[in-house]
N, C-alpha and C. Protein backbone atom coordinates (compact mmCIF):
# COMPACT_ATOMS: atom_id res chain seq x y z
N MET A 1 -7.59 -0.16 35.04
CA MET A 1 -8.08 -0.87 34.04
C MET A 1 -7.90 -0.29 32.93
N ARG A 2 -8.49 1.36 32.73
CA ARG A 2 -8.56 2.50 31.68
C ARG A 2 -7.50 2.60 31.29
N ALA A 3 -6.70 2.34 32.00
CA ALA A 3 -4.65 2.57 31.47
C ALA A 3 -4.86 1.29 30.43
N SER A 4 -5.18 0.41 30.96
CA SER A 4 -4.97 -0.87 29.78
C SER A 4 -5.91 -0.78 28.42
N VAL A 5 -6.69 -0.51 28.87
CA VAL A 5 -7.80 0.14 27.26
C VAL A 5 -7.29 1.23 26.55
N LEU A 6 -7.00 1.74 27.18
CA LEU A 6 -6.26 3.56 26.24
C LEU A 6 -5.20 3.00 25.41
N LEU A 7 -4.32 2.07 26.10
CA LEU A 7 -2.97 1.47 25.97
C LEU A 7 -3.09 0.68 24.61
N LYS A 8 -3.80 -0.76 24.61
CA LYS A 8 -4.67 -1.36 23.48
C LYS A 8 -5.01 0.12 22.46
N SER A 9 -5.95 0.57 22.60
CA SER A 9 -6.48 1.87 21.79
C SER A 9 -5.89 2.22 20.52
N SER A 10 -4.34 2.62 21.59
CA SER A 10 -3.47 3.24 20.96
C SER A 10 -2.39 2.92 19.99
N LEU A 11 -2.49 1.15 20.79
CA LEU A 11 -1.56 0.25 20.00
C LEU A 11 -2.33 0.09 18.62
N LEU A 12 -3.73 -0.25 18.66
CA LEU A 12 -4.76 -0.71 17.65
C LEU A 12 -4.67 0.67 16.06
N THR A 13 -4.88 1.78 17.29
CA THR A 13 -4.80 3.03 15.81
C THR A 13 -3.43 3.00 15.36
N SER A 14 -2.27 3.21 16.25
CA SER A 14 -0.71 3.30 15.51
C SER A 14 -0.94 1.97 14.48
N LEU A 15 -1.15 0.83 14.93
CA LEU A 15 -1.35 -0.15 13.75
C LEU A 15 -1.71 0.18 12.18
N PHE A 16 -3.05 0.96 12.24
CA PHE A 16 -3.83 1.42 11.40
C PHE A 16 -2.90 2.39 10.65
N VAL A 17 -2.30 3.69 11.20
CA VAL A 17 -1.90 3.80 10.87
C VAL A 17 -0.74 3.81 9.89
N ILE A 18 0.25 3.03 10.39
CA ILE A 18 1.10 2.55 9.73
C ILE A 18 0.84 1.54 8.29
N SER A 19 -0.17 1.27 8.46
CA SER A 19 -0.97 0.41 7.43
C SER A 19 -1.47 0.97 6.25
N SER A 20 -1.73 2.35 6.68
CA SER A 20 -2.56 2.78 5.79
C SER A 20 -1.30 3.96 4.79
N CYS A 21 -0.13 3.39 5.03
CA CYS A 21 1.36 4.29 3.96
C CYS A 21 1.34 3.13 3.03
N ALA A 22 0.86 1.93 2.75
CA ALA A 22 0.65 0.87 1.72
C ALA A 22 0.86 1.08 0.26
N THR A 23 -0.34 2.04 -0.03
CA THR A 23 -0.15 2.40 -1.47
C THR A 23 -0.45 4.38 -1.58
N THR A 24 0.57 4.70 -2.38
CA THR A 24 0.40 6.28 -3.06
C THR A 24 -0.26 5.98 -4.52
N LYS A 25 -1.19 7.25 -4.13
CA LYS A 25 -2.56 7.54 -4.95
C LYS A 25 -1.65 8.85 -6.04
N TYR A 26 -2.30 9.05 -7.05
CA TYR A 26 -1.42 9.81 -8.13
C TYR A 26 -3.50 10.80 -8.58
N SER A 27 -3.17 11.96 -8.36
CA SER A 27 -3.80 13.02 -9.14
C SER A 27 -3.68 12.84 -10.54
N GLU A 28 -5.17 13.34 -11.01
CA GLU A 28 -5.46 13.96 -12.83
C GLU A 28 -4.39 14.51 -13.14
N ASP A 29 -3.84 15.22 -12.35
CA ASP A 29 -2.73 16.34 -13.22
C ASP A 29 -1.45 15.93 -13.03
N ILE A 30 -0.95 15.10 -13.61
CA ILE A 30 -0.44 14.82 -14.10
C ILE A 30 1.23 15.56 -13.98
N SER A 31 1.32 16.86 -13.84
CA SER A 31 2.86 17.55 -13.52
C SER A 31 3.00 17.95 -12.40
N LYS A 32 1.48 17.29 -11.63
CA LYS A 32 1.57 17.55 -9.80
C LYS A 32 1.95 15.96 -9.54
N ASN A 33 2.28 15.17 -9.88
CA ASN A 33 2.37 13.77 -9.45
C ASN A 33 4.05 13.39 -9.68
N ASN A 34 4.24 13.05 -8.11
CA ASN A 34 5.83 13.19 -8.22
C ASN A 34 5.87 11.32 -8.05
N TYR A 35 6.81 10.76 -9.02
CA TYR A 35 6.80 9.61 -9.03
C TYR A 35 8.87 9.64 -8.70
N SER A 36 9.06 10.05 -7.86
CA SER A 36 10.73 10.14 -7.50
C SER A 36 10.58 9.52 -5.90
N ASN A 37 9.25 9.02 -5.48
CA ASN A 37 9.43 7.97 -4.43
C ASN A 37 9.41 6.22 -4.57
N LEU A 38 9.26 6.16 -6.24
CA LEU A 38 9.32 4.65 -6.60
C LEU A 38 10.91 4.07 -6.68
N GLN A 39 10.95 3.41 -6.53
CA GLN A 39 12.80 2.57 -6.11
C GLN A 39 13.09 1.67 -7.30
N ALA A 40 13.90 1.69 -8.03
CA ALA A 40 13.95 0.67 -8.85
C ALA A 40 14.46 -0.25 -8.37
N GLY A 41 13.95 -1.58 -9.02
CA GLY A 41 14.06 -2.84 -8.64
C GLY A 41 13.31 -3.45 -7.42
N LYS A 42 12.30 -2.72 -7.17
CA LYS A 42 11.21 -3.44 -6.35
C LYS A 42 9.48 -3.39 -7.36
N VAL A 43 8.99 -3.99 -6.97
CA VAL A 43 7.78 -5.14 -7.29
C VAL A 43 6.80 -4.00 -6.86
N TYR A 44 6.42 -3.70 -7.76
CA TYR A 44 4.78 -2.44 -7.80
C TYR A 44 4.00 -2.87 -8.51
N VAL A 45 2.35 -2.85 -7.99
CA VAL A 45 1.23 -3.22 -8.50
C VAL A 45 0.91 -1.73 -8.85
N VAL A 46 0.67 -1.98 -10.09
CA VAL A 46 -0.51 -0.91 -10.61
C VAL A 46 -1.49 -0.54 -10.79
N THR A 47 -2.67 0.63 -10.10
CA THR A 47 -3.91 -0.27 -10.61
C THR A 47 -4.43 1.12 -11.71
N MET A 48 -5.14 0.89 -12.75
CA MET A 48 -5.61 1.74 -14.32
C MET A 48 -6.61 2.82 -13.53
N LYS A 49 -6.18 3.96 -13.92
CA LYS A 49 -7.74 5.24 -14.15
C LYS A 49 -8.87 4.39 -15.05
N ASP A 50 -8.37 3.23 -16.11
CA ASP A 50 -9.57 3.06 -16.77
C ASP A 50 -9.84 1.77 -16.47
N GLY A 51 -9.58 1.46 -15.28
CA GLY A 51 -10.42 0.34 -14.90
C GLY A 51 -9.63 -0.92 -15.61
N SER A 52 -9.12 -0.90 -16.24
CA SER A 52 -8.48 -2.62 -16.47
C SER A 52 -7.49 -2.80 -15.51
N LYS A 53 -6.74 -4.18 -15.77
CA LYS A 53 -6.25 -4.90 -14.94
C LYS A 53 -5.64 -4.63 -14.13
N LYS A 54 -5.29 -5.15 -13.53
CA LYS A 54 -4.02 -4.31 -12.31
C LYS A 54 -3.03 -4.90 -13.00
N GLN A 55 -1.33 -4.33 -12.63
CA GLN A 55 -0.23 -4.82 -13.49
C GLN A 55 0.69 -4.63 -12.41
N LYS A 56 1.34 -5.91 -12.63
CA LYS A 56 2.44 -5.76 -11.49
C LYS A 56 3.33 -5.71 -12.41
N MET A 57 4.78 -4.83 -12.00
CA MET A 57 5.81 -4.42 -12.43
C MET A 57 7.35 -4.50 -11.50
N LEU A 58 8.01 -4.62 -12.49
CA LEU A 58 9.82 -4.76 -11.44
C LEU A 58 10.01 -3.47 -11.84
N PHE A 59 9.72 -2.06 -10.90
CA PHE A 59 10.09 -0.73 -11.23
C PHE A 59 12.01 -0.78 -11.97
N ARG A 60 11.93 0.41 -12.76
CA ARG A 60 12.99 0.41 -13.37
C ARG A 60 13.49 1.78 -13.39
N ASN A 61 12.66 2.32 -14.05
CA ASN A 61 12.62 4.17 -14.20
C ASN A 61 11.59 4.98 -14.75
N THR A 62 11.65 6.09 -14.74
CA THR A 62 10.34 7.18 -15.31
C THR A 62 11.03 7.80 -16.50
N ASP A 63 10.31 8.57 -17.71
CA ASP A 63 10.61 8.97 -18.36
C ASP A 63 9.52 10.33 -18.94
N ALA A 64 9.62 11.18 -19.50
CA ALA A 64 8.71 12.26 -19.31
C ALA A 64 7.07 12.01 -19.52
N GLU A 65 6.60 10.84 -20.28
CA GLU A 65 5.28 10.00 -20.06
C GLU A 65 5.40 8.88 -19.59
N ASN A 66 6.12 8.21 -19.39
CA ASN A 66 5.60 6.30 -19.01
C ASN A 66 6.37 6.37 -17.73
N LEU A 67 6.13 4.92 -17.18
CA LEU A 67 6.61 3.95 -16.42
C LEU A 67 7.14 3.11 -16.80
N ILE A 68 8.68 2.87 -16.68
CA ILE A 68 9.23 1.96 -17.22
C ILE A 68 9.27 0.57 -15.89
N GLY A 69 9.15 -0.27 -16.52
CA GLY A 69 9.50 -1.79 -15.99
C GLY A 69 9.67 -3.16 -16.79
N THR A 70 9.77 -3.73 -16.17
CA THR A 70 9.86 -5.66 -16.60
C THR A 70 8.52 -5.78 -15.82
N ALA A 71 8.14 -7.21 -16.20
CA ALA A 71 6.83 -7.97 -15.40
C ALA A 71 7.24 -8.44 -14.59
N GLY A 72 8.08 -8.78 -14.51
CA GLY A 72 8.98 -9.22 -12.60
C GLY A 72 10.23 -9.48 -12.65
N LYS A 73 10.28 -10.33 -11.42
CA LYS A 73 12.26 -10.55 -11.58
C LYS A 73 12.55 -11.61 -12.38
N LYS A 74 11.83 -13.12 -13.00
CA LYS A 74 12.13 -14.02 -13.95
C LYS A 74 11.72 -13.50 -15.08
N ASP A 75 11.23 -12.53 -15.32
CA ASP A 75 10.26 -12.90 -16.96
C ASP A 75 10.69 -10.74 -17.11
N SER A 76 11.62 -10.66 -17.99
CA SER A 76 12.17 -9.88 -18.11
C SER A 76 11.43 -8.90 -19.87
N THR A 77 10.14 -9.17 -19.75
CA THR A 77 9.48 -8.27 -21.03
C THR A 77 9.10 -7.01 -20.46
N GLU A 78 9.28 -6.37 -20.93
CA GLU A 78 9.01 -4.99 -20.74
C GLU A 78 7.95 -4.52 -20.84
N VAL A 79 7.36 -3.93 -20.08
CA VAL A 79 6.12 -3.23 -19.35
C VAL A 79 6.08 -1.31 -19.47
N ILE A 80 5.69 -1.42 -20.45
CA ILE A 80 5.51 1.01 -20.35
C ILE A 80 3.78 1.03 -20.04
N ILE A 81 3.98 1.67 -18.76
CA ILE A 81 2.51 2.29 -18.30
C ILE A 81 2.50 3.71 -18.76
N PRO A 82 1.43 4.40 -18.99
CA PRO A 82 1.62 6.13 -19.75
C PRO A 82 1.18 6.57 -18.05
N LYS A 83 1.77 7.24 -17.44
CA LYS A 83 1.84 7.89 -16.38
C LYS A 83 0.20 8.79 -15.98
N SER A 84 -0.37 8.96 -17.44
CA SER A 84 -1.66 9.26 -17.38
C SER A 84 -2.88 8.28 -17.44
N ASN A 85 -2.56 7.19 -17.02
CA ASN A 85 -3.14 6.25 -16.90
C ASN A 85 -3.08 5.35 -15.58
N VAL A 86 -1.85 6.59 -14.91
CA VAL A 86 -2.06 5.59 -13.68
C VAL A 86 -3.09 5.71 -12.26
N ALA A 87 -3.36 5.20 -11.70
CA ALA A 87 -4.64 5.89 -10.36
C ALA A 87 -3.80 5.88 -9.44
N ALA A 88 -3.29 4.24 -8.67
CA ALA A 88 -1.86 4.28 -8.18
C ALA A 88 -1.18 3.13 -7.87
N VAL A 89 -0.18 3.26 -7.10
CA VAL A 89 1.04 2.39 -7.34
C VAL A 89 1.09 1.56 -5.98
N LYS A 90 0.72 0.71 -5.39
CA LYS A 90 1.03 -0.27 -4.61
C LYS A 90 2.38 -0.68 -4.50
N ASP A 91 2.79 -0.54 -3.51
CA ASP A 91 4.16 -1.47 -3.15
C ASP A 91 3.49 -2.82 -2.41
N ARG A 92 4.67 -3.62 -2.97
CA ARG A 92 4.25 -5.16 -2.82
C ARG A 92 4.66 -5.58 -0.63
N SER A 93 5.72 -5.25 -0.95
CA SER A 93 6.20 -5.49 0.70
C SER A 93 5.49 -4.73 1.46
N LYS A 94 4.85 -3.45 0.98
CA LYS A 94 3.74 -2.96 2.58
C LYS A 94 2.68 -3.35 2.05
N ALA A 95 1.94 -4.02 1.32
CA ALA A 95 0.76 -4.69 0.71
C ALA A 95 0.74 -5.95 2.05
N ARG A 96 1.79 -6.73 2.26
CA ARG A 96 2.34 -7.59 3.51
C ARG A 96 1.84 -7.37 4.65
N VAL A 97 2.90 -6.05 4.98
CA VAL A 97 2.42 -5.31 5.90
C VAL A 97 1.06 -4.67 6.90
N THR A 98 0.59 -4.67 5.37
CA THR A 98 -1.04 -4.38 5.57
C THR A 98 -1.93 -5.16 5.96
N ALA A 99 -1.42 -6.23 5.47
CA ALA A 99 -2.26 -7.79 5.76
C ALA A 99 -2.01 -8.09 7.36
N GLY A 100 -0.56 -7.94 7.56
CA GLY A 100 -0.49 -8.51 8.86
C GLY A 100 -0.88 -7.75 9.84
N ALA A 101 -0.65 -5.89 9.56
CA ALA A 101 -1.55 -4.99 10.37
C ALA A 101 -3.41 -5.37 10.79
N THR A 102 -3.36 -5.72 9.48
CA THR A 102 -5.10 -5.64 9.59
C THR A 102 -5.41 -6.84 10.47
N VAL A 103 -5.12 -8.20 10.45
CA VAL A 103 -4.78 -9.53 11.56
C VAL A 103 -4.47 -9.20 12.72
N ILE A 104 -3.58 -8.30 13.03
CA ILE A 104 -3.31 -7.93 14.64
C ILE A 104 -4.09 -7.15 14.77
N GLY A 105 -5.05 -6.20 14.09
CA GLY A 105 -5.61 -4.95 14.55
C GLY A 105 -7.17 -5.52 14.55
N ALA A 106 -7.75 -6.91 13.86
CA ALA A 106 -8.57 -7.82 14.16
C ALA A 106 -8.48 -8.23 15.73
N ALA A 107 -7.15 -8.86 16.30
CA ALA A 107 -7.05 -9.41 17.29
C ALA A 107 -7.17 -8.64 18.22
N GLY A 108 -6.77 -7.23 17.91
CA GLY A 108 -6.72 -6.21 18.86
C GLY A 108 -8.11 -5.81 19.18
N VAL A 109 -9.09 -5.95 18.18
CA VAL A 109 -10.24 -5.53 18.29
C VAL A 109 -10.98 -6.14 19.44
N ALA A 110 -10.87 -7.53 18.61
CA ALA A 110 -11.26 -9.15 20.13
C ALA A 110 -10.62 -8.84 21.49
N ALA A 111 -9.66 -8.66 21.68
CA ALA A 111 -8.76 -8.16 22.45
C ALA A 111 -9.21 -7.36 24.24
N ILE A 112 -9.75 -6.06 23.16
CA ILE A 112 -10.38 -4.98 24.08
C ILE A 112 -11.74 -5.24 24.09
N VAL A 113 -12.55 -5.47 23.09
CA VAL A 113 -13.95 -5.84 23.62
C VAL A 113 -14.31 -7.36 24.93
N ILE A 114 -13.44 -8.03 24.68
CA ILE A 114 -13.60 -9.13 25.71
C ILE A 114 -13.09 -8.77 26.77
N SER A 115 -12.27 -7.69 27.10
CA SER A 115 -11.70 -7.07 28.28
C SER A 115 -12.50 -6.16 28.79
N SER A 116 -13.39 -5.83 27.77
CA SER A 116 -14.04 -4.76 28.34
C SER A 116 -15.69 -5.63 28.78
N LEU A 117 -16.25 -6.87 28.44
CA LEU A 117 -16.76 -7.66 28.56
C LEU A 117 -16.80 -8.23 30.14
N ARG A 118 -15.45 -8.55 30.06
CA ARG A 118 -15.07 -9.33 31.61
C ARG A 118 -15.10 -8.29 33.05
N ALA A 119 -14.80 -6.88 32.48
CA ALA A 119 -14.79 -6.25 33.35
C ALA A 119 -15.93 -5.30 33.82
N ASP A 120 -16.95 -5.80 32.89
CA ASP A 120 -18.41 -5.44 33.60
C ASP A 120 -19.09 -6.44 34.69
């Protein structure tokens, strides 16, 4: 029984570790930030440092001071976001994985609690 609880706990922990990789945060010092992990053609949600509304963008490329993309796959409106105002960038496909992992994690916790209650 103890091995079963250990297995369930390790599965739950690994799901949370996987889901924690969905957001890349950036520091105040722009020169330390590496935007090379952003991939052209992917949709990202950009959180601003000044607290303004999050922006969704289909990433295209970067220049020295800006992130450049479009408003979406069907909307070709150009979006330019200053790197100095970027707090975090979230990959939308990984955000879906995070939501799924959260649901699975909650179910795992419930299973552990129920199995431990039945063991007593």
